[in-house]
């Protein structure tokens, strides 16, 4: 039925996420060089993102998750709704605190940990400063989820998935 895999340690997962920060810094430094082939980075990012989303679907299925378990489970949906509502409320509050337009605050809070998506979309819509801030916001959300998911997955796989 479901195969149980040994979960990596929290430290290993956190280091993997921090490694992504290093890759971003290297990419930034490469962007400073102004090499001509880098002008196509935005289009390449979008196609890469679509491919990554496709791979996420494959990975969920390979891990024994059915579409019903992912979409139609009550506990996971409640967790997802609470996370969504609190994120959007945080976006509204931070927009007022930082003096940003409300739609910018909501957009920055709407990445829900998908740093690969929010960074690209918000850079295109609001510029590199907001896009970078959204990227790091979502990367921090992922680090927090990494710390919480191992404890939740023991109680309920579906609830842990709702946190993602």
C-alpha atoms as a PDB file:
ATOM      1  CA  UNK A   1       0.000   0.000   0.000  1.00  0.00           C
ATOM      2  CA  UNK A   2       1.962   3.057   1.223  1.00  0.00           C
ATOM      3  CA  UNK A   3       5.672   2.666   1.498  1.00  0.00           C
ATOM      4  CA  UNK A   4       7.286   4.477   4.398  1.00  0.00           C
ATOM      5  CA  UNK A   5      10.518   6.251   3.645  1.00  0.00           C
ATOM      6  CA  UNK A   6      12.925   7.476   6.261  1.00  0.00           C
ATOM      7  CA  UNK A   7      12.569  11.232   6.548  1.00  0.00           C
ATOM      8  CA  UNK A   8      15.732  13.333   6.310  1.00  0.00           C
ATOM      9  CA  UNK A   9      16.741  15.234   9.422  1.00  0.00           C
ATOM     10  CA  UNK A  10      15.504  18.773   9.982  1.00  0.00           C
ATOM     11  CA  UNK A  11      19.064  20.051   9.817  1.00  0.00           C
ATOM     12  CA  UNK A  12      19.646  18.389   6.449  1.00  0.00           C
ATOM     13  CA  UNK A  13      16.447  19.899   5.049  1.00  0.00           C
ATOM     14  CA  UNK A  14      17.282  23.344   6.441  1.00  0.00           C
ATOM     15  CA  UNK A  15      20.786  23.191   4.961  1.00  0.00           C
ATOM     16  CA  UNK A  16      19.301  22.236   1.609  1.00  0.00           C
ATOM     17  CA  UNK A  17      17.067  25.320   1.708  1.00  0.00           C
ATOM     18  CA  UNK A  18      19.967  27.534   2.749  1.00  0.00           C
ATOM     19  CA  UNK A  19      21.915  26.126  -0.173  1.00  0.00           C
ATOM     20  CA  UNK A  20      19.213  27.650  -2.380  1.00  0.00           C
ATOM     21  CA  UNK A  21      20.033  31.066  -0.915  1.00  0.00           C
ATOM     22  CA  UNK A  22      23.626  30.576  -2.009  1.00  0.00           C
ATOM     23  CA  UNK A  23      22.482  29.691  -5.509  1.00  0.00           C
ATOM     24  CA  UNK A  24      20.444  32.915  -5.623  1.00  0.00           C
ATOM     25  CA  UNK A  25      23.496  34.943  -4.604  1.00  0.00           C
ATOM     26  CA  UNK A  26      25.569  33.237  -7.310  1.00  0.00           C
ATOM     27  CA  UNK A  27      22.830  33.944  -9.854  1.00  0.00           C
ATOM     28  CA  UNK A  28      22.755  37.581  -8.793  1.00  0.00           C
ATOM     29  CA  UNK A  29      26.502  37.854  -9.227  1.00  0.00           C
ATOM     30  CA  UNK A  30      26.271  36.190 -12.645  1.00  0.00           C
ATOM     31  CA  UNK A  31      23.522  38.663 -13.577  1.00  0.00           C
ATOM     32  CA  UNK A  32      25.895  41.520 -12.808  1.00  0.00           C
ATOM     33  CA  UNK A  33      28.192  40.340 -15.600  1.00  0.00           C
ATOM     34  CA  UNK A  34      25.663  41.350 -18.275  1.00  0.00           C
ATOM     35  CA  UNK A  35      26.388  38.334 -20.480  1.00  0.00           C
ATOM     36  CA  UNK A  36      24.160  38.373 -23.575  1.00  0.00           C
ATOM     37  CA  UNK A  37      22.606  34.910 -23.110  1.00  0.00           C
ATOM     38  CA  UNK A  38      21.170  36.043 -19.759  1.00  0.00           C
ATOM     39  CA  UNK A  39      18.569  38.220 -21.511  1.00  0.00           C
ATOM     40  CA  UNK A  40      16.424  35.089 -21.921  1.00  0.00           C
ATOM     41  CA  UNK A  41      16.426  34.246 -18.202  1.00  0.00           C
ATOM     42  CA  UNK A  42      12.808  35.308 -17.605  1.00  0.00           C
ATOM     43  CA  UNK A  43      11.384  33.070 -20.323  1.00  0.00           C
ATOM     44  CA  UNK A  44      13.605  30.194 -19.240  1.00  0.00           C
ATOM     45  CA  UNK A  45      12.403  30.636 -15.644  1.00  0.00           C
ATOM     46  CA  UNK A  46       8.757  30.379 -16.665  1.00  0.00           C
ATOM     47  CA  UNK A  47       9.240  27.195 -18.710  1.00  0.00           C
ATOM     48  CA  UNK A  48      11.375  25.660 -15.978  1.00  0.00           C
ATOM     49  CA  UNK A  49       8.681  26.439 -13.419  1.00  0.00           C
ATOM     50  CA  UNK A  50       5.996  24.735 -15.510  1.00  0.00           C
ATOM     51  CA  UNK A  51       8.200  21.658 -15.800  1.00  0.00           C
ATOM     52  CA  UNK A  52       8.864  21.660 -12.031  1.00  0.00           C
ATOM     53  CA  UNK A  53       5.122  21.781 -11.288  1.00  0.00           C
ATOM     54  CA  UNK A  54       4.681  18.793 -13.587  1.00  0.00           C
ATOM     55  CA  UNK A  55       7.379  16.930 -11.632  1.00  0.00           C
ATOM     56  CA  UNK A  56       5.655  17.770  -8.322  1.00  0.00           C
ATOM     57  CA  UNK A  57       2.547  15.967  -9.576  1.00  0.00           C
ATOM     58  CA  UNK A  58       4.611  12.938 -10.554  1.00  0.00           C
ATOM     59  CA  UNK A  59       6.389  12.938  -7.203  1.00  0.00           C
ATOM     60  CA  UNK A  60       3.115  13.073  -5.248  1.00  0.00           C
ATOM     61  CA  UNK A  61       1.779  10.092  -7.161  1.00  0.00           C
ATOM     62  CA  UNK A  62       5.044   8.151  -6.822  1.00  0.00           C
ATOM     63  CA  UNK A  63       4.856   8.653  -3.049  1.00  0.00           C
ATOM     64  CA  UNK A  64       1.522   6.852  -2.988  1.00  0.00           C
ATOM     65  CA  UNK A  65      -0.717   9.919  -2.653  1.00  0.00           C
ATOM     66  CA  UNK A  66      -3.995   9.785  -4.541  1.00  0.00           C
ATOM     67  CA  UNK A  67      -5.714  12.894  -5.875  1.00  0.00           C
ATOM     68  CA  UNK A  68      -8.455  12.300  -3.328  1.00  0.00           C
ATOM     69  CA  UNK A  69      -5.944  12.312  -0.437  1.00  0.00           C
ATOM     70  CA  UNK A  70      -4.431  15.554  -1.679  1.00  0.00           C
ATOM     71  CA  UNK A  71      -7.551  17.537  -2.525  1.00  0.00           C
ATOM     72  CA  UNK A  72     -10.483  16.028  -0.640  1.00  0.00           C
ATOM     73  CA  UNK A  73      -9.274  15.524   2.908  1.00  0.00           C
ATOM     74  CA  UNK A  74     -10.998  17.576   5.583  1.00  0.00           C
ATOM     75  CA  UNK A  75      -8.109  18.060   7.996  1.00  0.00           C
ATOM     76  CA  UNK A  76      -5.637  19.040   5.282  1.00  0.00           C
ATOM     77  CA  UNK A  77      -8.128  21.529   3.826  1.00  0.00           C
ATOM     78  CA  UNK A  78      -8.713  23.119   7.244  1.00  0.00           C
ATOM     79  CA  UNK A  79      -4.975  23.523   7.786  1.00  0.00           C
ATOM     80  CA  UNK A  80      -4.580  24.959   4.268  1.00  0.00           C
ATOM     81  CA  UNK A  81      -7.432  27.449   4.834  1.00  0.00           C
ATOM     82  CA  UNK A  82      -6.016  28.591   8.185  1.00  0.00           C
ATOM     83  CA  UNK A  83      -2.561  29.028   6.632  1.00  0.00           C
ATOM     84  CA  UNK A  84      -4.063  30.933   3.688  1.00  0.00           C
ATOM     85  CA  UNK A  85      -6.216  33.238   5.843  1.00  0.00           C
ATOM     86  CA  UNK A  86      -3.405  34.019   8.270  1.00  0.00           C
ATOM     87  CA  UNK A  87      -0.978  34.665   5.408  1.00  0.00           C
ATOM     88  CA  UNK A  88      -3.318  37.111   3.702  1.00  0.00           C
ATOM     89  CA  UNK A  89      -4.050  38.858   7.006  1.00  0.00           C
ATOM     90  CA  UNK A  90      -0.301  39.145   7.573  1.00  0.00           C
ATOM     91  CA  UNK A  91       0.078  40.597   4.069  1.00  0.00           C
ATOM     92  CA  UNK A  92      -2.578  43.233   4.786  1.00  0.00           C
ATOM     93  CA  UNK A  93      -1.016  44.189   8.124  1.00  0.00           C
ATOM     94  CA  UNK A  94       2.479  44.371   6.685  1.00  0.00           C
ATOM     95  CA  UNK A  95       1.307  46.486   3.750  1.00  0.00           C
ATOM     96  CA  UNK A  96       0.013  49.081   6.219  1.00  0.00           C
ATOM     97  CA  UNK A  97       3.100  48.862   8.450  1.00  0.00           C
ATOM     98  CA  UNK A  98       5.533  49.182   5.523  1.00  0.00           C
ATOM     99  CA  UNK A  99       3.484  51.749   3.608  1.00  0.00           C
ATOM    100  CA  UNK A 100       3.020  49.484   0.594  1.00  0.00           C
ATOM    101  CA  UNK A 101      -0.088  49.356  -1.580  1.00  0.00           C
ATOM    102  CA  UNK A 102      -2.539  46.736  -0.326  1.00  0.00           C
ATOM    103  CA  UNK A 103      -2.312  44.680  -3.524  1.00  0.00           C
ATOM    104  CA  UNK A 104       1.485  44.532  -3.173  1.00  0.00           C
ATOM    105  CA  UNK A 105       1.239  43.300   0.416  1.00  0.00           C
ATOM    106  CA  UNK A 106      -1.334  40.695  -0.567  1.00  0.00           C
ATOM    107  CA  UNK A 107       0.738  39.589  -3.552  1.00  0.00           C
ATOM    108  CA  UNK A 108       3.833  39.177  -1.385  1.00  0.00           C
ATOM    109  CA  UNK A 109       1.855  37.096   1.121  1.00  0.00           C
ATOM    110  CA  UNK A 110       0.267  34.942  -1.578  1.00  0.00           C
ATOM    111  CA  UNK A 111       3.316  32.883  -2.506  1.00  0.00           C
ATOM    112  CA  UNK A 112       2.467  30.308   0.186  1.00  0.00           C
ATOM    113  CA  UNK A 113       6.029  29.033   0.235  1.00  0.00           C
ATOM    114  CA  UNK A 114       6.351  28.664  -3.554  1.00  0.00           C
ATOM    115  CA  UNK A 115       9.481  30.786  -3.737  1.00  0.00           C
ATOM    116  CA  UNK A 116      10.229  29.600  -7.267  1.00  0.00           C
ATOM    117  CA  UNK A 117       6.869  30.957  -8.436  1.00  0.00           C
ATOM    118  CA  UNK A 118       6.384  34.101  -6.364  1.00  0.00           C
ATOM    119  CA  UNK A 119       9.846  35.500  -7.001  1.00  0.00           C
ATOM    120  CA  UNK A 120       9.434  35.274 -10.772  1.00  0.00           C
ATOM    121  CA  UNK A 121       5.863  36.564 -10.920  1.00  0.00           C
ATOM    122  CA  UNK A 122       6.361  39.459  -8.523  1.00  0.00           C
ATOM    123  CA  UNK A 123       9.607  40.512 -10.175  1.00  0.00           C
ATOM    124  CA  UNK A 124       7.707  40.784 -13.458  1.00  0.00           C
ATOM    125  CA  UNK A 125       4.759  42.624 -11.870  1.00  0.00           C
ATOM    126  CA  UNK A 126       6.349  44.831  -9.196  1.00  0.00           C
ATOM    127  CA  UNK A 127      10.076  44.878  -9.916  1.00  0.00           C
ATOM    128  CA  UNK A 128      13.172  43.165  -8.541  1.00  0.00           C
ATOM    129  CA  UNK A 129      12.986  44.538  -4.980  1.00  0.00           C
ATOM    130  CA  UNK A 130       9.469  43.227  -4.320  1.00  0.00           C
ATOM    131  CA  UNK A 131      10.230  39.994  -6.205  1.00  0.00           C
ATOM    132  CA  UNK A 132      13.349  39.379  -4.124  1.00  0.00           C
ATOM    133  CA  UNK A 133      11.524  40.162  -0.887  1.00  0.00           C
ATOM    134  CA  UNK A 134       8.753  37.730  -1.853  1.00  0.00           C
ATOM    135  CA  UNK A 135      11.347  35.085  -2.696  1.00  0.00           C
ATOM    136  CA  UNK A 136      13.014  35.348   0.710  1.00  0.00           C
ATOM    137  CA  UNK A 137       9.631  35.545   2.463  1.00  0.00           C
ATOM    138  CA  UNK A 138       8.587  32.271   0.862  1.00  0.00           C
ATOM    139  CA  UNK A 139      11.958  30.651   1.462  1.00  0.00           C
ATOM    140  CA  UNK A 140      11.565  31.423   5.174  1.00  0.00           C
ATOM    141  CA  UNK A 141       8.067  29.928   5.066  1.00  0.00           C
ATOM    142  CA  UNK A 142       9.550  26.766   3.619  1.00  0.00           C
ATOM    143  CA  UNK A 143      12.149  26.608   6.379  1.00  0.00           C
ATOM    144  CA  UNK A 144       9.366  26.945   8.959  1.00  0.00           C
ATOM    145  CA  UNK A 145       7.354  24.210   7.239  1.00  0.00           C
ATOM    146  CA  UNK A 146      10.450  21.990   7.231  1.00  0.00           C
ATOM    147  CA  UNK A 147      10.614  22.355  10.987  1.00  0.00           C
ATOM    148  CA  UNK A 148       6.895  21.604  11.478  1.00  0.00           C
ATOM    149  CA  UNK A 149       6.190  18.874   8.924  1.00  0.00           C
ATOM    150  CA  UNK A 150       8.206  16.015  10.513  1.00  0.00           C
ATOM    151  CA  UNK A 151       6.127  16.307  13.680  1.00  0.00           C
ATOM    152  CA  UNK A 152       2.856  16.577  11.782  1.00  0.00           C
ATOM    153  CA  UNK A 153       3.548  13.754   9.334  1.00  0.00           C
ATOM    154  CA  UNK A 154       3.660  11.261  12.212  1.00  0.00           C
ATOM    155  CA  UNK A 155       0.118  12.264  13.212  1.00  0.00           C
ATOM    156  CA  UNK A 156      -1.416  12.738   9.766  1.00  0.00           C
ATOM    157  CA  UNK A 157       0.140  12.740   6.311  1.00  0.00           C
ATOM    158  CA  UNK A 158      -2.746  14.764   4.916  1.00  0.00           C
ATOM    159  CA  UNK A 159      -2.434  17.486   7.556  1.00  0.00           C
ATOM    160  CA  UNK A 160       1.262  17.847   6.838  1.00  0.00           C
ATOM    161  CA  UNK A 161       0.430  18.195   3.144  1.00  0.00           C
ATOM    162  CA  UNK A 162      -2.039  20.995   3.994  1.00  0.00           C
ATOM    163  CA  UNK A 163       0.807  22.944   5.592  1.00  0.00           C
ATOM    164  CA  UNK A 164       2.750  22.864   2.358  1.00  0.00           C
END
